[in-house]
């Protein structure tokens, strides 16, 4: 069987993908939760909260680019 390494490789890629997805999920919950608490206590105005939210989402999207295949592969 020439394709014997494919299932192992697929499992490795799937685990890496799941790890990055969990990083993004937990990070989003943490940033949004902290923002909600700070806004509720009056330390964060809506404009600043929106900027922090959009900036953090951009960082999590950039983190997801690690899932893209490398050039030349």
PDB file of N, CA and C in Angstrom:
ATOM      1  N   UNK A   1       0.838  -1.181   0.000  1.00  0.00           N
ATOM      2  CA  UNK A   1       0.000   0.000   0.000  1.00  0.00           C
ATOM      3  C   UNK A   1       0.882   1.243   0.000  1.00  0.00           C
ATOM      4  N   UNK A   2       0.855   1.998  -1.058  1.00  0.00           N
ATOM      5  CA  UNK A   2       1.697   3.172  -1.195  1.00  0.00           C
ATOM      6  C   UNK A   2       1.183   4.355  -0.384  1.00  0.00           C
ATOM      7  N   UNK A   3      -0.100   4.399  -0.062  1.00  0.00           N
ATOM      8  CA  UNK A   3      -0.692   5.542   0.637  1.00  0.00           C
ATOM      9  C   UNK A   3      -0.772   5.330   2.147  1.00  0.00           C
ATOM     10  N   UNK A   4       0.089   4.528   2.666  1.00  0.00           N
ATOM     11  CA  UNK A   4       0.008   4.174   4.080  1.00  0.00           C
ATOM     12  C   UNK A   4       0.198   5.369   5.016  1.00  0.00           C
ATOM     13  N   UNK A   5       0.976   6.387   4.615  1.00  0.00           N
ATOM     14  CA  UNK A   5       1.240   7.547   5.468  1.00  0.00           C
ATOM     15  C   UNK A   5       0.145   8.594   5.452  1.00  0.00           C
ATOM     16  N   UNK A   6      -0.797   8.498   4.549  1.00  0.00           N
ATOM     17  CA  UNK A   6      -1.830   9.532   4.438  1.00  0.00           C
ATOM     18  C   UNK A   6      -2.713   9.609   5.676  1.00  0.00           C
ATOM     19  N   UNK A   7      -3.235   8.536   6.233  1.00  0.00           N
ATOM     20  CA  UNK A   7      -4.079   8.685   7.432  1.00  0.00           C
ATOM     21  C   UNK A   7      -3.346   9.343   8.604  1.00  0.00           C
ATOM     22  N   UNK A   8      -2.102   8.999   8.810  1.00  0.00           N
ATOM     23  CA  UNK A   8      -1.318   9.618   9.879  1.00  0.00           C
ATOM     24  C   UNK A   8      -1.128  11.104   9.648  1.00  0.00           C
ATOM     25  N   UNK A   9      -0.848  11.470   8.424  1.00  0.00           N
ATOM     26  CA  UNK A   9      -0.684  12.879   8.063  1.00  0.00           C
ATOM     27  C   UNK A   9      -2.002  13.627   8.232  1.00  0.00           C
ATOM     28  N   UNK A  10      -3.098  13.019   7.834  1.00  0.00           N
ATOM     29  CA  UNK A  10      -4.412  13.662   7.978  1.00  0.00           C
ATOM     30  C   UNK A  10      -4.734  13.879   9.446  1.00  0.00           C
ATOM     31  N   UNK A  11      -4.392  12.937  10.284  1.00  0.00           N
ATOM     32  CA  UNK A  11      -4.641  13.068  11.713  1.00  0.00           C
ATOM     33  C   UNK A  11      -3.788  14.191  12.304  1.00  0.00           C
ATOM     34  N   UNK A  12      -2.561  14.295  11.884  1.00  0.00           N
ATOM     35  CA  UNK A  12      -1.676  15.364  12.367  1.00  0.00           C
ATOM     36  C   UNK A  12      -2.214  16.733  11.975  1.00  0.00           C
ATOM     37  N   UNK A  13      -2.641  16.877  10.732  1.00  0.00           N
ATOM     38  CA  UNK A  13      -3.194  18.144  10.258  1.00  0.00           C
ATOM     39  C   UNK A  13      -4.484  18.485  11.001  1.00  0.00           C
ATOM     40  N   UNK A  14      -5.332  17.490  11.214  1.00  0.00           N
ATOM     41  CA  UNK A  14      -6.595  17.720  11.923  1.00  0.00           C
ATOM     42  C   UNK A  14      -6.346  18.162  13.358  1.00  0.00           C
ATOM     43  N   UNK A  15      -5.392  17.564  14.029  1.00  0.00           N
ATOM     44  CA  UNK A  15      -5.085  17.950  15.411  1.00  0.00           C
ATOM     45  C   UNK A  15      -4.523  19.367  15.471  1.00  0.00           C
ATOM     46  N   UNK A  16      -3.666  19.699  14.524  1.00  0.00           N
ATOM     47  CA  UNK A  16      -3.101  21.059  14.470  1.00  0.00           C
ATOM     48  C   UNK A  16      -4.215  22.073  14.218  1.00  0.00           C
ATOM     49  N   UNK A  17      -5.119  21.749  13.305  1.00  0.00           N
ATOM     50  CA  UNK A  17      -6.246  22.619  12.985  1.00  0.00           C
ATOM     51  C   UNK A  17      -7.126  22.825  14.212  1.00  0.00           C
ATOM     52  N   UNK A  18      -7.435  21.748  14.896  1.00  0.00           N
ATOM     53  CA  UNK A  18      -8.276  21.838  16.092  1.00  0.00           C
ATOM     54  C   UNK A  18      -7.611  22.701  17.160  1.00  0.00           C
ATOM     55  N   UNK A  19      -6.315  22.575  17.320  1.00  0.00           N
ATOM     56  CA  UNK A  19      -5.590  23.384  18.301  1.00  0.00           C
ATOM     57  C   UNK A  19      -5.664  24.869  18.002  1.00  0.00           C
ATOM     58  N   UNK A  20      -5.497  25.223  16.751  1.00  0.00           N
ATOM     59  CA  UNK A  20      -5.558  26.633  16.357  1.00  0.00           C
ATOM     60  C   UNK A  20      -6.978  27.164  16.515  1.00  0.00           C
ATOM     61  N   UNK A  21      -7.967  26.363  16.177  1.00  0.00           N
ATOM     62  CA  UNK A  21      -9.358  26.779  16.345  1.00  0.00           C
ATOM     63  C   UNK A  21      -9.656  27.019  17.825  1.00  0.00           C
ATOM     64  N   UNK A  22      -9.180  26.147  18.704  1.00  0.00           N
ATOM     65  CA  UNK A  22      -9.401  26.340  20.138  1.00  0.00           C
ATOM     66  C   UNK A  22      -8.695  27.595  20.646  1.00  0.00           C
ATOM     67  N   UNK A  23      -7.491  27.866  20.148  1.00  0.00           N
ATOM     68  CA  UNK A  23      -6.793  29.099  20.526  1.00  0.00           C
ATOM     69  C   UNK A  23      -7.643  30.314  20.178  1.00  0.00           C
ATOM     70  N   UNK A  24      -8.173  30.335  18.968  1.00  0.00           N
ATOM     71  CA  UNK A  24      -8.996  31.457  18.525  1.00  0.00           C
ATOM     72  C   UNK A  24     -10.279  31.560  19.342  1.00  0.00           C
ATOM     73  N   UNK A  25     -10.905  30.439  19.632  1.00  0.00           N
ATOM     74  CA  UNK A  25     -12.161  30.428  20.375  1.00  0.00           C
ATOM     75  C   UNK A  25     -11.968  30.947  21.798  1.00  0.00           C
ATOM     76  N   UNK A  26     -10.969  30.416  22.491  1.00  0.00           N
ATOM     77  CA  UNK A  26     -10.705  30.834  23.869  1.00  0.00           C
ATOM     78  C   UNK A  26     -10.262  32.295  23.897  1.00  0.00           C
ATOM     79  N   UNK A  27      -9.435  32.690  22.961  1.00  0.00           N
ATOM     80  CA  UNK A  27      -8.992  34.087  22.900  1.00  0.00           C
ATOM     81  C   UNK A  27     -10.146  35.037  22.688  1.00  0.00           C
ATOM     82  N   UNK A  28     -11.060  34.684  21.796  1.00  0.00           N
ATOM     83  CA  UNK A  28     -12.231  35.525  21.545  1.00  0.00           C
ATOM     84  C   UNK A  28     -13.096  35.635  22.790  1.00  0.00           C
ATOM     85  N   UNK A  29     -13.341  34.507  23.461  1.00  0.00           N
ATOM     86  CA  UNK A  29     -14.128  34.549  24.692  1.00  0.00           C
ATOM     87  C   UNK A  29     -13.467  35.416  25.760  1.00  0.00           C
ATOM     88  N   UNK A  30     -12.149  35.315  25.888  1.00  0.00           N
ATOM     89  CA  UNK A  30     -11.431  36.080  26.904  1.00  0.00           C
ATOM     90  C   UNK A  30     -11.498  37.583  26.621  1.00  0.00           C
ATOM     91  N   UNK A  31     -11.210  37.974  25.389  1.00  0.00           N
ATOM     92  CA  UNK A  31     -11.224  39.399  25.040  1.00  0.00           C
ATOM     93  C   UNK A  31     -12.634  39.968  25.162  1.00  0.00           C
ATOM     94  N   UNK A  32     -13.618  39.258  24.636  1.00  0.00           N
ATOM     95  CA  UNK A  32     -14.998  39.746  24.719  1.00  0.00           C
ATOM     96  C   UNK A  32     -15.499  39.784  26.161  1.00  0.00           C
ATOM     97  N   UNK A  33     -15.167  38.763  26.937  1.00  0.00           N
ATOM     98  CA  UNK A  33     -15.579  38.739  28.338  1.00  0.00           C
ATOM     99  C   UNK A  33     -14.968  39.878  29.137  1.00  0.00           C
ATOM    100  N   UNK A  34     -13.679  40.110  28.929  1.00  0.00           N
ATOM    101  CA  UNK A  34     -13.012  41.207  29.616  1.00  0.00           C
ATOM    102  C   UNK A  34     -13.612  42.549  29.186  1.00  0.00           C
ATOM    103  N   UNK A  35     -13.895  42.688  27.897  1.00  0.00           N
ATOM    104  CA  UNK A  35     -14.508  43.915  27.402  1.00  0.00           C
ATOM    105  C   UNK A  35     -15.882  44.160  28.001  1.00  0.00           C
ATOM    106  N   UNK A  36     -16.667  43.114  28.140  1.00  0.00           N
ATOM    107  CA  UNK A  36     -18.009  43.246  28.722  1.00  0.00           C
ATOM    108  C   UNK A  36     -17.906  43.680  30.182  1.00  0.00           C
ATOM    109  N   UNK A  37     -16.982  43.072  30.913  1.00  0.00           N
ATOM    110  CA  UNK A  37     -16.811  43.440  32.322  1.00  0.00           C
ATOM    111  C   UNK A  37     -16.358  44.893  32.445  1.00  0.00           C
ATOM    112  N   UNK A  38     -15.342  45.286  31.670  1.00  0.00           N
ATOM    113  CA  UNK A  38     -14.843  46.657  31.739  1.00  0.00           C
ATOM    114  C   UNK A  38     -15.901  47.672  31.310  1.00  0.00           C
ATOM    115  N   UNK A  39     -16.666  47.345  30.281  1.00  0.00           N
ATOM    116  CA  UNK A  39     -17.725  48.251  29.844  1.00  0.00           C
ATOM    117  C   UNK A  39     -18.827  48.335  30.896  1.00  0.00           C
ATOM    118  N   UNK A  40     -19.154  47.224  31.502  1.00  0.00           N
ATOM    119  CA  UNK A  40     -20.181  47.214  32.537  1.00  0.00           C
ATOM    120  C   UNK A  40     -19.794  48.026  33.762  1.00  0.00           C
ATOM    121  N   UNK A  41     -18.494  48.065  34.055  1.00  0.00           N
ATOM    122  CA  UNK A  41     -18.006  48.845  35.188  1.00  0.00           C
ATOM    123  C   UNK A  41     -17.756  50.308  34.823  1.00  0.00           C
ATOM    124  N   UNK A  42     -17.931  50.643  33.558  1.00  0.00           N
ATOM    125  CA  UNK A  42     -17.776  52.027  33.119  1.00  0.00           C
ATOM    126  C   UNK A  42     -16.368  52.425  32.735  1.00  0.00           C
ATOM    127  N   UNK A  43     -15.456  51.457  32.608  1.00  0.00           N
ATOM    128  CA  UNK A  43     -14.072  51.771  32.256  1.00  0.00           C
ATOM    129  C   UNK A  43     -13.813  51.792  30.750  1.00  0.00           C
ATOM    130  N   UNK A  44     -14.797  51.409  29.964  1.00  0.00           N
ATOM    131  CA  UNK A  44     -14.597  51.261  28.530  1.00  0.00           C
ATOM    132  C   UNK A  44     -15.775  51.877  27.801  1.00  0.00           C
ATOM    133  N   UNK A  45     -15.501  52.901  26.985  1.00  0.00           N
ATOM    134  CA  UNK A  45     -16.605  53.487  26.226  1.00  0.00           C
ATOM    135  C   UNK A  45     -16.876  52.643  24.978  1.00  0.00           C
ATOM    136  N   UNK A  46     -18.036  52.805  24.365  1.00  0.00           N
ATOM    137  CA  UNK A  46     -18.408  51.948  23.230  1.00  0.00           C
ATOM    138  C   UNK A  46     -17.448  52.022  22.041  1.00  0.00           C
ATOM    139  N   UNK A  47     -16.916  53.195  21.756  1.00  0.00           N
ATOM    140  CA  UNK A  47     -16.003  53.330  20.621  1.00  0.00           C
ATOM    141  C   UNK A  47     -14.705  52.561  20.866  1.00  0.00           C
ATOM    142  N   UNK A  48     -14.157  52.689  22.048  1.00  0.00           N
ATOM    143  CA  UNK A  48     -12.941  51.955  22.386  1.00  0.00           C
ATOM    144  C   UNK A  48     -13.204  50.448  22.418  1.00  0.00           C
ATOM    145  N   UNK A  49     -14.360  50.062  22.945  1.00  0.00           N
ATOM    146  CA  UNK A  49     -14.724  48.641  22.993  1.00  0.00           C
ATOM    147  C   UNK A  49     -14.806  48.067  21.579  1.00  0.00           C
ATOM    148  N   UNK A  50     -15.404  48.820  20.661  1.00  0.00           N
ATOM    149  CA  UNK A  50     -15.508  48.355  19.268  1.00  0.00           C
ATOM    150  C   UNK A  50     -14.126  48.221  18.643  1.00  0.00           C
ATOM    151  N   UNK A  51     -13.247  49.182  18.906  1.00  0.00           N
ATOM    152  CA  UNK A  51     -11.888  49.122  18.355  1.00  0.00           C
ATOM    153  C   UNK A  51     -11.132  47.902  18.888  1.00  0.00           C
ATOM    154  N   UNK A  52     -11.236  47.663  20.180  1.00  0.00           N
ATOM    155  CA  UNK A  52     -10.561  46.503  20.783  1.00  0.00           C
ATOM    156  C   UNK A  52     -11.121  45.206  20.201  1.00  0.00           C
ATOM    157  N   UNK A  53     -12.429  45.131  20.047  1.00  0.00           N
ATOM    158  CA  UNK A  53     -13.059  43.928  19.506  1.00  0.00           C
ATOM    159  C   UNK A  53     -12.594  43.655  18.077  1.00  0.00           C
ATOM    160  N   UNK A  54     -12.628  44.674  17.236  1.00  0.00           N
ATOM    161  CA  UNK A  54     -12.236  44.497  15.835  1.00  0.00           C
ATOM    162  C   UNK A  54     -10.751  44.160  15.737  1.00  0.00           C
ATOM    163  N   UNK A  55      -9.928  44.813  16.542  1.00  0.00           N
ATOM    164  CA  UNK A  55      -8.492  44.526  16.524  1.00  0.00           C
ATOM    165  C   UNK A  55      -8.198  43.095  16.950  1.00  0.00           C
ATOM    166  N   UNK A  56      -8.875  42.638  17.990  1.00  0.00           N
ATOM    167  CA  UNK A  56      -8.624  41.271  18.453  1.00  0.00           C
ATOM    168  C   UNK A  56      -9.108  40.252  17.422  1.00  0.00           C
ATOM    169  N   UNK A  57     -10.239  40.524  16.787  1.00  0.00           N
ATOM    170  CA  UNK A  57     -10.729  39.601  15.761  1.00  0.00           C
ATOM    171  C   UNK A  57      -9.753  39.533  14.588  1.00  0.00           C
ATOM    172  N   UNK A  58      -9.150  40.665  14.235  1.00  0.00           N
ATOM    173  CA  UNK A  58      -8.143  40.669  13.169  1.00  0.00           C
ATOM    174  C   UNK A  58      -6.954  39.799  13.563  1.00  0.00           C
ATOM    175  N   UNK A  59      -6.530  39.893  14.815  1.00  0.00           N
ATOM    176  CA  UNK A  59      -5.422  39.050  15.277  1.00  0.00           C
ATOM    177  C   UNK A  59      -5.777  37.568  15.222  1.00  0.00           C
ATOM    178  N   UNK A  60      -7.005  37.233  15.577  1.00  0.00           N
ATOM    179  CA  UNK A  60      -7.410  35.826  15.536  1.00  0.00           C
ATOM    180  C   UNK A  60      -7.526  35.320  14.095  1.00  0.00           C
ATOM    181  N   UNK A  61      -7.942  36.189  13.185  1.00  0.00           N
ATOM    182  CA  UNK A  61      -7.978  35.811  11.764  1.00  0.00           C
ATOM    183  C   UNK A  61      -6.558  35.577  11.260  1.00  0.00           C
ATOM    184  N   UNK A  62      -5.643  36.472  11.636  1.00  0.00           N
ATOM    185  CA  UNK A  62      -4.244  36.285  11.229  1.00  0.00           C
ATOM    186  C   UNK A  62      -3.662  35.016  11.841  1.00  0.00           C
ATOM    187  N   UNK A  63      -4.060  34.679  13.057  1.00  0.00           N
ATOM    188  CA  UNK A  63      -3.622  33.425  13.669  1.00  0.00           C
ATOM    189  C   UNK A  63      -4.099  32.231  12.843  1.00  0.00           C
ATOM    190  N   UNK A  64      -5.295  32.338  12.281  1.00  0.00           N
ATOM    191  CA  UNK A  64      -5.839  31.246  11.468  1.00  0.00           C
ATOM    192  C   UNK A  64      -5.080  31.044  10.168  1.00  0.00           C
ATOM    193  N   UNK A  65      -4.359  32.063   9.714  1.00  0.00           N
ATOM    194  CA  UNK A  65      -3.605  31.904   8.467  1.00  0.00           C
ATOM    195  C   UNK A  65      -2.500  30.866   8.618  1.00  0.00           C
ATOM    196  N   UNK A  66      -2.170  30.487   9.836  1.00  0.00           N
ATOM    197  CA  UNK A  66      -1.192  29.408  10.031  1.00  0.00           C
ATOM    198  C   UNK A  66      -1.696  28.094   9.465  1.00  0.00           C
ATOM    199  N   UNK A  67      -2.997  27.999   9.221  1.00  0.00           N
ATOM    200  CA  UNK A  67      -3.567  26.765   8.651  1.00  0.00           C
ATOM    201  C   UNK A  67      -3.347  26.676   7.139  1.00  0.00           C
ATOM    202  N   UNK A  68      -3.010  27.790   6.510  1.00  0.00           N
ATOM    203  CA  UNK A  68      -2.787  27.779   5.068  1.00  0.00           C
ATOM    204  C   UNK A  68      -1.516  27.011   4.750  1.00  0.00           C
ATOM    205  N   UNK A  69      -1.509  26.326   3.610  1.00  0.00           N
ATOM    206  CA  UNK A  69      -0.274  25.608   3.252  1.00  0.00           C
ATOM    207  C   UNK A  69       0.848  26.590   2.915  1.00  0.00           C
ATOM    208  N   UNK A  70       2.068  26.181   3.192  1.00  0.00           N
ATOM    209  CA  UNK A  70       3.231  27.021   2.891  1.00  0.00           C
ATOM    210  C   UNK A  70       3.412  27.125   1.387  1.00  0.00           C
ATOM    211  N   UNK A  71       4.012  28.207   0.972  1.00  0.00           N
ATOM    212  CA  UNK A  71       4.292  28.378  -0.459  1.00  0.00           C
ATOM    213  C   UNK A  71       5.268  27.319  -0.937  1.00  0.00           C
ATOM    214  N   UNK A  72       5.067  26.858  -2.130  1.00  0.00           N
ATOM    215  CA  UNK A  72       5.956  25.873  -2.714  1.00  0.00           C
ATOM    216  C   UNK A  72       5.683  24.446  -2.294  1.00  0.00           C
ATOM    217  N   UNK A  73       4.609  24.239  -1.584  1.00  0.00           N
ATOM    218  CA  UNK A  73       4.258  22.882  -1.163  1.00  0.00           C
ATOM    219  C   UNK A  73       3.242  22.296  -2.085  1.00  0.00           C
TER     220      UNK A  73
END
